[in-house]
N, C-alpha and C. Protein backbone atom coordinates (compact mmCIF):
# COMPACT_ATOMS: atom_id res chain seq x y z
N MET A 1 123.82 90.48 103.83
CA MET A 1 122.66 91.09 104.46
C MET A 1 123.10 92.17 105.44
N ALA A 2 123.53 93.28 104.94
CA ALA A 2 123.91 94.38 105.82
C ALA A 2 122.73 95.33 105.96
N GLY A 3 122.65 96.00 107.07
CA GLY A 3 121.57 96.96 107.26
C GLY A 3 121.40 97.31 108.72
N LEU A 4 120.50 98.23 108.96
CA LEU A 4 120.25 98.70 110.31
C LEU A 4 119.32 97.78 111.09
N GLY A 5 118.48 97.04 110.39
CA GLY A 5 117.48 96.22 111.05
C GLY A 5 118.07 95.01 111.74
N ARG A 6 117.20 94.29 112.42
CA ARG A 6 117.59 93.08 113.13
C ARG A 6 117.50 91.88 112.19
N LEU A 7 118.46 90.98 112.32
CA LEU A 7 118.47 89.76 111.52
C LEU A 7 117.73 88.66 112.27
N TYR A 8 116.67 88.14 111.66
CA TYR A 8 115.90 87.03 112.21
C TYR A 8 116.29 85.76 111.46
N GLN A 9 116.34 84.66 112.17
CA GLN A 9 116.68 83.37 111.56
C GLN A 9 115.41 82.65 111.11
N ASP A 10 115.57 81.66 110.25
CA ASP A 10 114.46 80.88 109.73
C ASP A 10 113.57 80.37 110.87
N GLY A 11 112.28 80.65 110.76
CA GLY A 11 111.32 80.18 111.76
C GLY A 11 111.18 81.08 112.97
N GLU A 12 112.04 82.08 113.10
CA GLU A 12 111.97 82.96 114.27
C GLU A 12 110.74 83.87 114.17
N ILE A 13 110.05 84.01 115.29
CA ILE A 13 108.84 84.83 115.35
C ILE A 13 109.23 86.28 115.61
N ILE A 14 108.71 87.19 114.80
CA ILE A 14 108.95 88.62 114.98
C ILE A 14 107.94 89.18 115.97
N PHE A 15 106.68 88.84 115.79
CA PHE A 15 105.66 89.07 116.82
C PHE A 15 104.53 88.08 116.61
N ARG A 16 103.72 87.92 117.68
CA ARG A 16 102.63 86.95 117.66
C ARG A 16 101.26 87.62 117.62
N GLN A 17 100.36 86.94 116.96
CA GLN A 17 98.96 87.36 116.96
C GLN A 17 98.50 87.51 118.40
N GLY A 18 97.81 88.62 118.70
CA GLY A 18 97.31 88.86 120.05
C GLY A 18 98.21 89.72 120.91
N GLU A 19 99.47 89.89 120.52
CA GLU A 19 100.37 90.78 121.27
C GLU A 19 100.02 92.23 120.95
N THR A 20 100.33 93.11 121.89
CA THR A 20 100.17 94.53 121.61
C THR A 20 101.43 95.03 120.91
N GLY A 21 101.27 96.07 120.13
CA GLY A 21 102.42 96.61 119.40
C GLY A 21 102.38 98.12 119.36
N ASN A 22 103.54 98.71 119.11
CA ASN A 22 103.63 100.17 119.00
C ASN A 22 104.55 100.59 117.86
N CYS A 23 104.82 99.67 116.94
CA CYS A 23 105.71 100.00 115.82
C CYS A 23 105.33 99.17 114.60
N MET A 24 105.86 99.57 113.46
CA MET A 24 105.71 98.80 112.24
C MET A 24 107.08 98.29 111.82
N TYR A 25 107.12 97.47 110.81
CA TYR A 25 108.36 96.84 110.37
C TYR A 25 108.47 96.92 108.85
N VAL A 26 109.71 96.96 108.37
CA VAL A 26 109.98 96.91 106.93
C VAL A 26 110.99 95.80 106.70
N VAL A 27 110.68 94.93 105.73
CA VAL A 27 111.61 93.86 105.37
C VAL A 27 112.72 94.47 104.53
N GLN A 28 113.93 94.44 105.05
CA GLN A 28 115.07 94.97 104.30
C GLN A 28 115.66 93.93 103.37
N ASP A 29 115.62 92.68 103.81
CA ASP A 29 116.16 91.59 103.00
C ASP A 29 115.55 90.29 103.50
N GLY A 30 115.31 89.37 102.60
CA GLY A 30 114.74 88.09 102.99
C GLY A 30 113.23 88.08 102.86
N THR A 31 112.62 87.12 103.55
CA THR A 31 111.18 86.89 103.44
C THR A 31 110.59 86.58 104.80
N VAL A 32 109.38 87.08 105.03
CA VAL A 32 108.61 86.74 106.23
C VAL A 32 107.22 86.33 105.77
N GLU A 33 106.50 85.62 106.65
CA GLU A 33 105.13 85.28 106.33
C GLU A 33 104.21 85.72 107.46
N ALA A 34 103.01 86.17 107.05
CA ALA A 34 101.97 86.55 108.00
C ALA A 34 101.05 85.36 108.16
N ILE A 35 100.84 84.96 109.41
CA ILE A 35 100.07 83.75 109.71
C ILE A 35 98.94 84.10 110.66
N ALA A 36 97.74 83.64 110.33
CA ALA A 36 96.61 83.75 111.26
C ALA A 36 96.47 82.41 111.96
N GLU A 37 96.23 82.47 113.24
CA GLU A 37 96.06 81.25 114.03
C GLU A 37 94.60 81.17 114.46
N SER A 38 93.96 80.04 114.14
CA SER A 38 92.56 79.85 114.49
C SER A 38 92.32 78.39 114.81
N ASN A 39 91.74 78.14 115.95
CA ASN A 39 91.44 76.76 116.38
C ASN A 39 92.67 75.86 116.30
N GLY A 40 93.81 76.39 116.68
CA GLY A 40 95.03 75.61 116.71
C GLY A 40 95.68 75.37 115.36
N GLU A 41 95.13 75.94 114.30
CA GLU A 41 95.69 75.77 112.96
C GLU A 41 96.27 77.09 112.46
N GLU A 42 97.29 76.98 111.61
CA GLU A 42 97.92 78.15 111.01
C GLU A 42 97.46 78.30 109.57
N VAL A 43 97.14 79.52 109.18
CA VAL A 43 96.81 79.84 107.80
C VAL A 43 97.75 80.94 107.36
N VAL A 44 98.53 80.70 106.31
CA VAL A 44 99.44 81.73 105.80
C VAL A 44 98.61 82.74 105.02
N LEU A 45 98.59 83.97 105.50
CA LEU A 45 97.82 85.03 104.86
C LEU A 45 98.54 85.62 103.67
N ARG A 46 99.84 85.81 103.83
CA ARG A 46 100.64 86.34 102.73
C ARG A 46 102.12 86.20 103.07
N THR A 47 102.92 86.26 102.03
CA THR A 47 104.36 86.24 102.17
C THR A 47 104.87 87.62 101.77
N LEU A 48 105.77 88.16 102.56
CA LEU A 48 106.29 89.51 102.33
C LEU A 48 107.79 89.45 102.10
N GLY A 49 108.26 90.26 101.16
CA GLY A 49 109.68 90.28 100.84
C GLY A 49 110.27 91.67 100.96
N LYS A 50 111.42 91.84 100.34
CA LYS A 50 112.17 93.08 100.44
C LYS A 50 111.30 94.30 100.14
N ASN A 51 111.40 95.30 101.03
CA ASN A 51 110.69 96.58 100.97
C ASN A 51 109.21 96.50 101.34
N ASP A 52 108.69 95.31 101.63
CA ASP A 52 107.32 95.21 102.12
C ASP A 52 107.28 95.60 103.59
N PHE A 53 106.13 96.09 104.04
CA PHE A 53 105.99 96.46 105.44
C PHE A 53 104.85 95.68 106.07
N PHE A 54 104.87 95.63 107.40
CA PHE A 54 103.82 94.96 108.15
C PHE A 54 103.76 95.55 109.55
N GLY A 55 102.65 95.28 110.24
CA GLY A 55 102.48 95.80 111.60
C GLY A 55 102.09 97.26 111.65
N GLU A 56 101.75 97.83 110.49
CA GLU A 56 101.48 99.27 110.42
C GLU A 56 100.25 99.70 111.20
N MET A 57 99.31 98.80 111.43
CA MET A 57 98.10 99.19 112.17
C MET A 57 98.43 99.67 113.58
N ALA A 58 99.54 99.19 114.13
CA ALA A 58 99.94 99.60 115.48
C ALA A 58 100.28 101.09 115.55
N LEU A 59 100.59 101.70 114.41
CA LEU A 59 100.88 103.14 114.40
C LEU A 59 99.62 103.98 114.52
N PHE A 60 98.47 103.38 114.20
CA PHE A 60 97.22 104.13 114.13
C PHE A 60 96.22 103.77 115.21
N GLU A 61 96.33 102.60 115.78
CA GLU A 61 95.37 102.17 116.79
C GLU A 61 96.06 101.34 117.86
N LYS A 62 95.54 101.41 119.05
CA LYS A 62 96.12 100.65 120.16
C LYS A 62 95.31 99.37 120.31
N ASP A 63 95.64 98.40 119.50
CA ASP A 63 94.95 97.12 119.53
C ASP A 63 95.99 96.02 119.39
N VAL A 64 95.55 94.79 119.47
CA VAL A 64 96.49 93.67 119.40
C VAL A 64 96.84 93.34 117.94
N ARG A 65 97.95 92.68 117.77
CA ARG A 65 98.38 92.23 116.45
C ARG A 65 97.38 91.22 115.90
N THR A 66 97.06 91.34 114.62
CA THR A 66 96.06 90.48 114.01
C THR A 66 96.65 89.23 113.38
N ALA A 67 97.96 89.13 113.35
CA ALA A 67 98.62 87.96 112.76
C ALA A 67 99.97 87.76 113.43
N THR A 68 100.49 86.56 113.28
CA THR A 68 101.86 86.25 113.69
C THR A 68 102.75 86.46 112.48
N ILE A 69 103.93 87.02 112.69
CA ILE A 69 104.90 87.21 111.60
C ILE A 69 106.11 86.35 111.91
N ARG A 70 106.49 85.51 110.92
CA ARG A 70 107.59 84.56 111.10
C ARG A 70 108.57 84.68 109.93
N ALA A 71 109.86 84.63 110.24
CA ALA A 71 110.89 84.67 109.20
C ALA A 71 110.88 83.35 108.42
N VAL A 72 111.04 83.48 107.11
CA VAL A 72 111.18 82.31 106.24
C VAL A 72 112.60 82.39 105.69
N GLY A 73 113.50 81.65 106.30
CA GLY A 73 114.92 81.83 106.00
C GLY A 73 115.40 83.05 106.75
N PRO A 74 116.66 83.42 106.58
CA PRO A 74 117.16 84.63 107.25
C PRO A 74 116.47 85.87 106.68
N ALA A 75 116.08 86.78 107.56
CA ALA A 75 115.39 88.01 107.13
C ALA A 75 115.85 89.17 108.01
N ARG A 76 116.24 90.25 107.35
CA ARG A 76 116.61 91.46 108.08
C ARG A 76 115.41 92.40 108.05
N VAL A 77 114.99 92.82 109.24
CA VAL A 77 113.75 93.60 109.38
C VAL A 77 114.03 94.85 110.21
N LEU A 78 113.60 95.99 109.69
CA LEU A 78 113.77 97.28 110.35
C LEU A 78 112.50 97.62 111.13
N THR A 79 112.66 98.09 112.35
CA THR A 79 111.54 98.53 113.19
C THR A 79 111.41 100.04 113.09
N ILE A 80 110.16 100.51 112.91
CA ILE A 80 109.89 101.95 112.83
C ILE A 80 108.79 102.29 113.82
N ASP A 81 109.11 103.17 114.77
CA ASP A 81 108.09 103.58 115.74
C ASP A 81 107.27 104.74 115.18
N ARG A 82 106.23 105.12 115.89
CA ARG A 82 105.30 106.15 115.42
C ARG A 82 106.00 107.48 115.17
N ARG A 83 106.86 107.89 116.07
CA ARG A 83 107.56 109.17 115.94
C ARG A 83 108.40 109.20 114.67
N ASN A 84 109.16 108.14 114.42
CA ASN A 84 110.00 108.10 113.22
C ASN A 84 109.16 107.97 111.95
N PHE A 85 108.04 107.26 112.04
CA PHE A 85 107.15 107.17 110.88
C PHE A 85 106.62 108.56 110.52
N LEU A 86 106.13 109.30 111.52
CA LEU A 86 105.59 110.63 111.26
C LEU A 86 106.66 111.57 110.71
N ARG A 87 107.86 111.45 111.23
CA ARG A 87 108.97 112.25 110.70
C ARG A 87 109.21 111.91 109.22
N GLY A 88 109.15 110.64 108.90
CA GLY A 88 109.33 110.21 107.51
C GLY A 88 108.25 110.74 106.59
N VAL A 89 107.01 110.77 107.07
CA VAL A 89 105.90 111.29 106.27
C VAL A 89 106.06 112.79 106.03
N VAL A 90 106.53 113.52 107.04
CA VAL A 90 106.77 114.96 106.87
C VAL A 90 107.85 115.18 105.81
N GLU A 91 108.90 114.37 105.84
CA GLU A 91 110.00 114.52 104.88
C GLU A 91 109.59 114.06 103.48
N ASP A 92 108.72 113.05 103.40
CA ASP A 92 108.29 112.51 102.11
C ASP A 92 106.81 112.13 102.19
N PRO A 93 105.91 113.10 101.91
CA PRO A 93 104.48 112.84 102.02
C PRO A 93 103.99 111.68 101.15
N SER A 94 104.69 111.37 100.08
CA SER A 94 104.27 110.25 99.23
C SER A 94 104.36 108.92 99.97
N LEU A 95 105.13 108.87 101.05
CA LEU A 95 105.22 107.67 101.88
C LEU A 95 103.85 107.29 102.42
N ALA A 96 103.09 108.26 102.88
CA ALA A 96 101.75 107.99 103.41
C ALA A 96 100.84 107.45 102.32
N MET A 97 100.93 108.01 101.12
CA MET A 97 100.09 107.55 100.02
C MET A 97 100.45 106.12 99.62
N ARG A 98 101.72 105.81 99.59
CA ARG A 98 102.14 104.43 99.26
C ARG A 98 101.62 103.46 100.31
N MET A 99 101.66 103.87 101.57
CA MET A 99 101.17 103.00 102.64
C MET A 99 99.66 102.78 102.50
N VAL A 100 98.92 103.85 102.25
CA VAL A 100 97.47 103.73 102.08
C VAL A 100 97.15 102.83 100.89
N LYS A 101 97.88 102.98 99.81
CA LYS A 101 97.66 102.15 98.62
C LYS A 101 97.89 100.67 98.95
N THR A 102 98.97 100.37 99.65
CA THR A 102 99.25 98.98 100.03
C THR A 102 98.17 98.44 100.95
N MET A 103 97.76 99.24 101.92
CA MET A 103 96.71 98.79 102.84
C MET A 103 95.40 98.56 102.09
N SER A 104 95.10 99.41 101.11
CA SER A 104 93.90 99.24 100.30
C SER A 104 93.94 97.93 99.52
N HIS A 105 95.09 97.61 98.94
CA HIS A 105 95.24 96.34 98.22
C HIS A 105 95.03 95.16 99.16
N ARG A 106 95.55 95.27 100.36
CA ARG A 106 95.40 94.17 101.33
C ARG A 106 93.94 93.98 101.72
N ILE A 107 93.24 95.08 101.94
CA ILE A 107 91.81 94.99 102.28
C ILE A 107 91.04 94.35 101.12
N ARG A 108 91.32 94.78 99.90
CA ARG A 108 90.65 94.22 98.73
C ARG A 108 90.93 92.72 98.62
N ASP A 109 92.17 92.32 98.83
CA ASP A 109 92.54 90.90 98.77
C ASP A 109 91.81 90.10 99.84
N LEU A 110 91.80 90.59 101.07
CA LEU A 110 91.14 89.87 102.15
C LEU A 110 89.62 89.83 101.97
N THR A 111 89.04 90.90 101.40
CA THR A 111 87.61 90.90 101.12
C THR A 111 87.28 89.84 100.08
N GLY A 112 88.10 89.74 99.05
CA GLY A 112 87.90 88.70 98.03
C GLY A 112 88.03 87.31 98.61
N ARG A 113 89.02 87.11 99.47
CA ARG A 113 89.19 85.80 100.11
C ARG A 113 87.99 85.45 100.97
N LEU A 114 87.50 86.43 101.72
CA LEU A 114 86.35 86.20 102.59
C LEU A 114 85.12 85.85 101.77
N ALA A 115 84.91 86.55 100.66
CA ALA A 115 83.76 86.25 99.80
C ALA A 115 83.85 84.84 99.24
N ARG A 116 85.05 84.43 98.81
CA ARG A 116 85.22 83.06 98.29
C ARG A 116 84.99 82.04 99.39
N TYR A 117 85.47 82.32 100.60
CA TYR A 117 85.29 81.42 101.72
C TYR A 117 83.81 81.28 102.06
N GLU A 118 83.10 82.42 102.12
CA GLU A 118 81.68 82.37 102.44
C GLU A 118 80.90 81.63 101.37
N ASN A 119 81.27 81.82 100.11
CA ASN A 119 80.62 81.12 99.01
C ASN A 119 80.86 79.61 99.12
N THR A 120 82.09 79.23 99.42
CA THR A 120 82.43 77.81 99.59
C THR A 120 81.68 77.23 100.78
N ALA A 121 81.62 77.97 101.87
CA ALA A 121 80.93 77.49 103.07
C ALA A 121 79.44 77.32 102.80
N SER A 122 78.82 78.25 102.07
CA SER A 122 77.39 78.13 101.79
C SER A 122 77.11 76.97 100.84
N LEU A 123 78.01 76.68 99.92
CA LEU A 123 77.84 75.53 99.03
C LEU A 123 77.93 74.23 99.81
N GLY A 124 78.76 74.22 100.84
CA GLY A 124 78.93 73.02 101.66
C GLY A 124 77.74 72.74 102.55
N GLU A 125 76.89 73.73 102.77
CA GLU A 125 75.73 73.56 103.65
C GLU A 125 74.55 72.91 102.94
N THR A 126 74.57 72.88 101.62
CA THR A 126 73.41 72.34 100.90
C THR A 126 73.39 70.84 100.85
C-alpha cells in the first residue's frame, strides 16, 4: 500500500457525521464505509473502494458532513482541498463530469432507497 495518502487502520474514523469539512477524499487502496447515525444506530449507506471519492460536498458548500466515514481494514486515503481540486479540473475538465456523474448516481440511489423506505413505512401503518 504505497501512496501519498494517509493510511487508516481497520475501524479508524476518517471523519464524523456533523463535523465541518473543507476537503474531499479519494480511496487509493482498501475500503471505507459511509455510515449514517440516527437515534444511536448506525446504517451503512455504501461501501467505497479503490478510486472512489467521498466528502466532495465540502468543496461546494460550507455545511457539516452528512455521514461518518470509517476504514474497513487498512485503507490509504488521499485528501484533496478545494484549491487542488480546482487545479485538477482545469488540467482535466472530464474530472468534473465524472464527479457529477457519480454524484448523480448517488442521488438516484438514495432517492430509490427513500421511496422504498416510505413505501415500507406506509404499509406498516395500515
